[in-house]
Amino acid sequence: MSTLASAITEAVEAVRAQFAGHPVEVVPDGTGGVFVTVEDVSVGPSYAPAVTWLGFQISAAYPDADVYPHYVGPLSRTDGQPHGPAVQSTGWRGQPALQISRRSNRRDAAVDSAALKAERIRRWLADQ
């Protein structure tokens, strides 16, 4: 990752720290950013399975660009209800996924890191 911008390298290290103990895969996206996949992420008892992967792209424009959207492995709600409007079935990097569309409209690049956004997405999903 030595050829990546320092902001992206720092963002990846912050994601690793935020999700300490979880495998984190980082793959260059070919345009100066990276694809990040965090494994074994708990999304709580409202979903089956209750643990999945969380993926997202940190673009070359980071930290000036929001990290959006996020993806998780296919999940079913344990209450039998459909997913809400911010969740849709799609694919991500060649695998089935749910896309989580939670844009940060009032994002502050000095505060809202890729790691914080990933944790907020995880928490939002677990609270559904």
N, C-alpha and C. Protein backbone atom coordinates (compact mmCIF):
# COMPACT_ATOMS: atom_id res chain seq x y z
N MET A 1 0.82 -1.20 0.00
CA MET A 1 0.00 0.00 0.00
C MET A 1 0.86 1.26 0.00
N SER A 2 2.14 1.13 -0.22
CA SER A 2 3.03 2.28 -0.14
C SER A 2 2.76 3.31 -1.23
N THR A 3 2.12 2.91 -2.34
CA THR A 3 1.83 3.86 -3.40
C THR A 3 0.51 4.59 -3.19
N LEU A 4 -0.22 4.25 -2.14
CA LEU A 4 -1.48 4.92 -1.86
C LEU A 4 -1.23 6.23 -1.13
N ALA A 5 -2.16 7.15 -1.29
CA ALA A 5 -2.08 8.41 -0.57
C ALA A 5 -2.07 8.14 0.93
N SER A 6 -1.36 8.97 1.66
CA SER A 6 -1.25 8.75 3.11
C SER A 6 -2.62 8.79 3.79
N ALA A 7 -3.56 9.60 3.29
CA ALA A 7 -4.89 9.66 3.89
C ALA A 7 -5.59 8.31 3.79
N ILE A 8 -5.40 7.62 2.68
CA ILE A 8 -6.04 6.31 2.50
C ILE A 8 -5.35 5.27 3.37
N THR A 9 -4.03 5.31 3.42
CA THR A 9 -3.29 4.39 4.29
C THR A 9 -3.70 4.58 5.74
N GLU A 10 -3.82 5.83 6.18
CA GLU A 10 -4.25 6.12 7.55
C GLU A 10 -5.68 5.65 7.78
N ALA A 11 -6.55 5.81 6.78
CA ALA A 11 -7.94 5.36 6.90
C ALA A 11 -8.00 3.85 7.07
N VAL A 12 -7.20 3.13 6.31
CA VAL A 12 -7.17 1.67 6.42
C VAL A 12 -6.69 1.25 7.80
N GLU A 13 -5.66 1.91 8.31
CA GLU A 13 -5.16 1.57 9.65
C GLU A 13 -6.21 1.86 10.71
N ALA A 14 -6.97 2.93 10.53
CA ALA A 14 -8.05 3.25 11.47
C ALA A 14 -9.16 2.20 11.41
N VAL A 15 -9.46 1.70 10.23
CA VAL A 15 -10.46 0.62 10.09
C VAL A 15 -9.95 -0.62 10.81
N ARG A 16 -8.69 -0.96 10.61
CA ARG A 16 -8.11 -2.12 11.30
C ARG A 16 -8.21 -1.96 12.82
N ALA A 17 -7.96 -0.76 13.31
CA ALA A 17 -8.05 -0.50 14.76
C ALA A 17 -9.50 -0.57 15.24
N GLN A 18 -10.42 0.01 14.46
CA GLN A 18 -11.84 0.01 14.83
C GLN A 18 -12.38 -1.41 14.93
N PHE A 19 -11.93 -2.26 14.03
CA PHE A 19 -12.40 -3.64 13.97
C PHE A 19 -11.28 -4.60 14.38
N ALA A 20 -10.56 -4.24 15.43
CA ALA A 20 -9.45 -5.07 15.92
C ALA A 20 -9.96 -6.49 16.20
N GLY A 21 -9.17 -7.47 15.77
CA GLY A 21 -9.55 -8.86 15.96
C GLY A 21 -10.34 -9.43 14.79
N HIS A 22 -10.73 -8.57 13.85
CA HIS A 22 -11.45 -9.02 12.66
C HIS A 22 -10.49 -9.02 11.47
N PRO A 23 -10.55 -10.05 10.63
CA PRO A 23 -9.75 -10.00 9.40
C PRO A 23 -10.22 -8.83 8.53
N VAL A 24 -9.26 -8.08 8.00
CA VAL A 24 -9.56 -6.95 7.12
C VAL A 24 -8.78 -7.14 5.83
N GLU A 25 -9.50 -7.28 4.72
CA GLU A 25 -8.87 -7.41 3.41
C GLU A 25 -8.88 -6.05 2.74
N VAL A 26 -7.74 -5.67 2.16
CA VAL A 26 -7.61 -4.38 1.47
C VAL A 26 -7.06 -4.67 0.07
N VAL A 27 -7.80 -4.22 -0.96
CA VAL A 27 -7.41 -4.46 -2.34
C VAL A 27 -7.41 -3.13 -3.07
N PRO A 28 -6.30 -2.75 -3.71
CA PRO A 28 -6.30 -1.50 -4.49
C PRO A 28 -7.39 -1.54 -5.55
N ASP A 29 -8.05 -0.40 -5.76
CA ASP A 29 -9.15 -0.34 -6.74
C ASP A 29 -8.68 0.03 -8.14
N GLY A 30 -7.39 0.30 -8.31
CA GLY A 30 -6.86 0.64 -9.62
C GLY A 30 -6.93 2.12 -9.96
N THR A 31 -7.55 2.91 -9.10
CA THR A 31 -7.67 4.35 -9.35
C THR A 31 -7.14 5.18 -8.19
N GLY A 32 -6.35 4.56 -7.32
CA GLY A 32 -5.77 5.28 -6.19
C GLY A 32 -6.47 5.06 -4.87
N GLY A 33 -7.59 4.35 -4.90
CA GLY A 33 -8.31 4.04 -3.67
C GLY A 33 -8.20 2.56 -3.36
N VAL A 34 -9.03 2.10 -2.44
CA VAL A 34 -9.00 0.69 -2.06
C VAL A 34 -10.42 0.18 -1.80
N PHE A 35 -10.58 -1.13 -1.99
CA PHE A 35 -11.76 -1.84 -1.54
C PHE A 35 -11.40 -2.47 -0.21
N VAL A 36 -12.26 -2.32 0.78
CA VAL A 36 -12.01 -2.86 2.12
C VAL A 36 -13.13 -3.83 2.46
N THR A 37 -12.76 -4.99 2.98
CA THR A 37 -13.74 -5.96 3.47
C THR A 37 -13.34 -6.37 4.87
N VAL A 38 -14.25 -6.15 5.81
CA VAL A 38 -14.05 -6.56 7.20
C VAL A 38 -14.89 -7.81 7.42
N GLU A 39 -14.27 -8.86 7.91
CA GLU A 39 -14.95 -10.14 8.12
C GLU A 39 -15.49 -10.26 9.55
N ASP A 40 -16.45 -11.15 9.71
CA ASP A 40 -16.97 -11.52 11.03
C ASP A 40 -17.54 -10.34 11.80
N VAL A 41 -18.33 -9.52 11.12
CA VAL A 41 -18.94 -8.33 11.73
C VAL A 41 -20.32 -8.70 12.26
N SER A 42 -20.57 -8.41 13.52
CA SER A 42 -21.86 -8.71 14.13
C SER A 42 -22.89 -7.66 13.71
N VAL A 43 -24.03 -8.14 13.20
CA VAL A 43 -25.14 -7.24 12.86
C VAL A 43 -26.33 -7.50 13.78
N GLY A 44 -26.14 -8.33 14.78
CA GLY A 44 -27.15 -8.52 15.81
C GLY A 44 -28.18 -9.59 15.51
N PRO A 45 -29.04 -9.85 16.50
CA PRO A 45 -30.00 -10.95 16.41
C PRO A 45 -31.19 -10.69 15.49
N SER A 46 -31.31 -9.48 14.95
CA SER A 46 -32.41 -9.19 14.03
C SER A 46 -32.19 -9.78 12.65
N TYR A 47 -30.99 -10.34 12.42
CA TYR A 47 -30.65 -10.87 11.10
C TYR A 47 -30.12 -12.29 11.20
N ALA A 48 -30.34 -13.03 10.14
CA ALA A 48 -29.75 -14.35 9.98
C ALA A 48 -28.97 -14.32 8.67
N PRO A 49 -27.69 -14.60 8.71
CA PRO A 49 -26.90 -14.83 9.91
C PRO A 49 -26.68 -13.54 10.70
N ALA A 50 -26.29 -13.67 11.96
CA ALA A 50 -26.06 -12.51 12.83
C ALA A 50 -24.66 -11.93 12.65
N VAL A 51 -23.83 -12.63 11.88
CA VAL A 51 -22.46 -12.20 11.60
C VAL A 51 -22.24 -12.28 10.10
N THR A 52 -21.63 -11.25 9.53
CA THR A 52 -21.40 -11.20 8.09
C THR A 52 -20.15 -10.38 7.80
N TRP A 53 -19.87 -10.14 6.54
CA TRP A 53 -18.78 -9.25 6.16
C TRP A 53 -19.35 -7.86 5.88
N LEU A 54 -18.50 -6.85 5.98
CA LEU A 54 -18.85 -5.47 5.68
C LEU A 54 -17.82 -4.95 4.68
N GLY A 55 -18.29 -4.47 3.54
CA GLY A 55 -17.38 -3.99 2.51
C GLY A 55 -17.70 -2.58 2.08
N PHE A 56 -16.66 -1.88 1.62
CA PHE A 56 -16.82 -0.51 1.13
C PHE A 56 -15.57 -0.10 0.37
N GLN A 57 -15.70 0.97 -0.37
CA GLN A 57 -14.57 1.52 -1.11
C GLN A 57 -14.15 2.85 -0.49
N ILE A 58 -12.87 3.00 -0.27
CA ILE A 58 -12.32 4.30 0.11
C ILE A 58 -11.71 4.85 -1.18
N SER A 59 -12.33 5.87 -1.74
CA SER A 59 -11.90 6.37 -3.05
C SER A 59 -10.65 7.24 -2.93
N ALA A 60 -10.02 7.48 -4.06
CA ALA A 60 -8.83 8.32 -4.12
C ALA A 60 -9.12 9.75 -3.64
N ALA A 61 -10.37 10.15 -3.65
CA ALA A 61 -10.74 11.51 -3.20
C ALA A 61 -10.85 11.62 -1.68
N TYR A 62 -10.71 10.51 -0.98
CA TYR A 62 -10.77 10.52 0.48
C TYR A 62 -9.62 11.35 1.03
N PRO A 63 -9.82 12.19 2.02
CA PRO A 63 -10.94 12.31 2.93
C PRO A 63 -12.02 13.29 2.50
N ASP A 64 -11.88 13.85 1.30
CA ASP A 64 -12.87 14.82 0.83
C ASP A 64 -14.14 14.19 0.31
N ALA A 65 -14.14 12.88 0.11
CA ALA A 65 -15.33 12.17 -0.39
C ALA A 65 -15.87 11.24 0.69
N ASP A 66 -17.18 11.14 0.75
CA ASP A 66 -17.83 10.23 1.68
C ASP A 66 -17.52 8.79 1.30
N VAL A 67 -17.45 7.92 2.27
CA VAL A 67 -17.33 6.48 2.03
C VAL A 67 -18.76 5.97 1.93
N TYR A 68 -19.17 5.66 0.70
CA TYR A 68 -20.59 5.37 0.41
C TYR A 68 -20.68 4.66 -0.92
N PRO A 69 -21.51 3.67 -1.07
CA PRO A 69 -22.30 2.94 -0.08
C PRO A 69 -21.46 1.86 0.60
N HIS A 70 -22.09 1.13 1.51
CA HIS A 70 -21.49 -0.01 2.18
C HIS A 70 -22.25 -1.26 1.76
N TYR A 71 -21.60 -2.40 1.90
CA TYR A 71 -22.20 -3.67 1.50
C TYR A 71 -22.01 -4.70 2.61
N VAL A 72 -22.95 -5.59 2.73
CA VAL A 72 -22.84 -6.74 3.64
C VAL A 72 -23.28 -7.98 2.87
N GLY A 73 -22.93 -9.12 3.41
CA GLY A 73 -23.38 -10.37 2.80
C GLY A 73 -24.90 -10.48 2.88
N PRO A 74 -25.49 -11.38 2.11
CA PRO A 74 -26.94 -11.55 2.14
C PRO A 74 -27.43 -11.86 3.55
N LEU A 75 -28.45 -11.13 3.97
CA LEU A 75 -29.05 -11.28 5.30
C LEU A 75 -30.55 -11.39 5.16
N SER A 76 -31.16 -12.11 6.06
CA SER A 76 -32.62 -12.15 6.17
C SER A 76 -32.99 -11.62 7.54
N ARG A 77 -34.09 -10.89 7.60
CA ARG A 77 -34.57 -10.41 8.90
C ARG A 77 -35.22 -11.58 9.64
N THR A 78 -34.91 -11.72 10.90
CA THR A 78 -35.47 -12.83 11.68
C THR A 78 -36.95 -12.64 11.99
N ASP A 79 -37.46 -11.41 11.86
CA ASP A 79 -38.89 -11.17 12.09
C ASP A 79 -39.72 -11.37 10.83
N GLY A 80 -39.06 -11.74 9.72
CA GLY A 80 -39.76 -11.99 8.47
C GLY A 80 -40.12 -10.75 7.68
N GLN A 81 -39.85 -9.58 8.20
CA GLN A 81 -40.17 -8.33 7.51
C GLN A 81 -39.16 -8.07 6.39
N PRO A 82 -39.55 -7.29 5.38
CA PRO A 82 -38.60 -6.93 4.32
C PRO A 82 -37.60 -5.90 4.84
N HIS A 83 -36.49 -5.79 4.14
CA HIS A 83 -35.52 -4.75 4.45
C HIS A 83 -36.14 -3.39 4.15
N GLY A 84 -35.67 -2.36 4.82
CA GLY A 84 -36.17 -1.01 4.59
C GLY A 84 -35.64 -0.43 3.28
N PRO A 85 -36.03 0.80 2.97
CA PRO A 85 -35.67 1.42 1.69
C PRO A 85 -34.18 1.71 1.53
N ALA A 86 -33.41 1.74 2.61
CA ALA A 86 -31.98 2.01 2.50
C ALA A 86 -31.17 0.74 2.23
N VAL A 87 -31.85 -0.40 2.10
CA VAL A 87 -31.18 -1.69 1.91
C VAL A 87 -31.73 -2.34 0.66
N GLN A 88 -30.83 -2.73 -0.23
CA GLN A 88 -31.29 -3.41 -1.45
C GLN A 88 -30.33 -4.52 -1.85
N SER A 89 -30.87 -5.56 -2.45
CA SER A 89 -30.07 -6.68 -2.93
C SER A 89 -29.31 -6.27 -4.18
N THR A 90 -28.05 -6.66 -4.24
CA THR A 90 -27.19 -6.34 -5.37
C THR A 90 -26.01 -7.30 -5.34
N GLY A 91 -24.94 -6.92 -5.95
CA GLY A 91 -23.69 -7.68 -5.88
C GLY A 91 -22.57 -6.71 -5.57
N TRP A 92 -21.52 -7.23 -5.01
CA TRP A 92 -20.34 -6.41 -4.73
C TRP A 92 -19.09 -7.24 -4.91
N ARG A 93 -18.24 -6.82 -5.81
CA ARG A 93 -16.98 -7.48 -6.09
C ARG A 93 -17.17 -8.96 -6.40
N GLY A 94 -18.20 -9.25 -7.21
CA GLY A 94 -18.42 -10.60 -7.69
C GLY A 94 -19.16 -11.52 -6.75
N GLN A 95 -19.75 -10.98 -5.70
CA GLN A 95 -20.51 -11.84 -4.78
C GLN A 95 -21.84 -11.20 -4.44
N PRO A 96 -22.83 -12.01 -4.08
CA PRO A 96 -24.12 -11.46 -3.70
C PRO A 96 -23.96 -10.59 -2.45
N ALA A 97 -24.74 -9.52 -2.39
CA ALA A 97 -24.61 -8.58 -1.27
C ALA A 97 -25.90 -7.80 -1.08
N LEU A 98 -25.98 -7.16 0.08
CA LEU A 98 -26.97 -6.13 0.33
C LEU A 98 -26.23 -4.80 0.34
N GLN A 99 -26.76 -3.84 -0.38
CA GLN A 99 -26.17 -2.50 -0.38
C GLN A 99 -26.87 -1.68 0.69
N ILE A 100 -26.09 -1.03 1.54
CA ILE A 100 -26.62 -0.15 2.59
C ILE A 100 -26.36 1.28 2.15
N SER A 101 -27.42 2.00 1.84
CA SER A 101 -27.30 3.37 1.33
C SER A 101 -27.58 4.36 2.46
N ARG A 102 -26.52 4.78 3.12
CA ARG A 102 -26.62 5.73 4.23
C ARG A 102 -25.58 6.84 4.00
N ARG A 103 -25.95 7.79 3.16
CA ARG A 103 -25.05 8.90 2.83
C ARG A 103 -24.94 9.84 4.04
N SER A 104 -23.76 10.42 4.22
CA SER A 104 -23.52 11.39 5.30
C SER A 104 -23.63 12.79 4.73
N ASN A 105 -24.83 13.35 4.74
CA ASN A 105 -25.06 14.65 4.11
C ASN A 105 -24.36 15.80 4.82
N ARG A 106 -24.19 15.70 6.12
CA ARG A 106 -23.52 16.78 6.87
C ARG A 106 -22.12 16.35 7.30
N ARG A 107 -21.47 15.61 6.46
CA ARG A 107 -20.17 15.03 6.75
C ARG A 107 -19.10 16.10 6.95
N ASP A 108 -18.26 15.92 7.96
CA ASP A 108 -17.13 16.78 8.24
C ASP A 108 -15.88 15.93 8.06
N ALA A 109 -15.10 16.19 7.02
CA ALA A 109 -13.93 15.38 6.69
C ALA A 109 -12.92 15.33 7.83
N ALA A 110 -12.91 16.34 8.69
CA ALA A 110 -11.97 16.36 9.80
C ALA A 110 -12.39 15.41 10.92
N VAL A 111 -13.65 15.00 10.94
CA VAL A 111 -14.17 14.17 12.03
C VAL A 111 -14.67 12.81 11.53
N ASP A 112 -15.37 12.79 10.43
CA ASP A 112 -16.06 11.60 9.94
C ASP A 112 -15.13 10.73 9.11
N SER A 113 -14.46 9.81 9.77
CA SER A 113 -13.50 8.93 9.11
C SER A 113 -14.20 7.71 8.49
N ALA A 114 -13.45 7.00 7.66
CA ALA A 114 -13.96 5.76 7.06
C ALA A 114 -14.27 4.74 8.15
N ALA A 115 -13.44 4.68 9.19
CA ALA A 115 -13.65 3.74 10.29
C ALA A 115 -14.91 4.08 11.06
N LEU A 116 -15.11 5.34 11.37
CA LEU A 116 -16.31 5.77 12.10
C LEU A 116 -17.56 5.50 11.27
N LYS A 117 -17.50 5.77 9.98
CA LYS A 117 -18.67 5.53 9.11
C LYS A 117 -19.00 4.04 9.07
N ALA A 118 -17.98 3.19 8.96
CA ALA A 118 -18.22 1.74 8.93
C ALA A 118 -18.88 1.28 10.22
N GLU A 119 -18.42 1.79 11.35
CA GLU A 119 -19.04 1.41 12.63
C GLU A 119 -20.46 1.93 12.73
N ARG A 120 -20.70 3.15 12.25
CA ARG A 120 -22.07 3.69 12.27
C ARG A 120 -23.00 2.85 11.40
N ILE A 121 -22.52 2.40 10.25
CA ILE A 121 -23.32 1.54 9.37
C ILE A 121 -23.63 0.23 10.09
N ARG A 122 -22.63 -0.37 10.72
CA ARG A 122 -22.83 -1.61 11.45
C ARG A 122 -23.86 -1.43 12.56
N ARG A 123 -23.73 -0.35 13.31
CA ARG A 123 -24.66 -0.07 14.40
C ARG A 123 -26.06 0.21 13.89
N TRP A 124 -26.17 0.98 12.80
CA TRP A 124 -27.47 1.30 12.20
C TRP A 124 -28.19 0.00 11.79
N LEU A 125 -27.44 -0.88 11.13
CA LEU A 125 -28.03 -2.12 10.69
C LEU A 125 -28.46 -2.97 11.89
N ALA A 126 -27.62 -3.06 12.91
CA ALA A 126 -27.96 -3.84 14.09
C ALA A 126 -29.18 -3.29 14.82
N ASP A 127 -29.42 -1.99 14.70
CA ASP A 127 -30.56 -1.35 15.37
C ASP A 127 -31.87 -1.45 14.60
N GLN A 128 -31.83 -1.97 13.39
CA GLN A 128 -33.03 -2.05 12.56
C GLN A 128 -33.98 -3.12 13.05
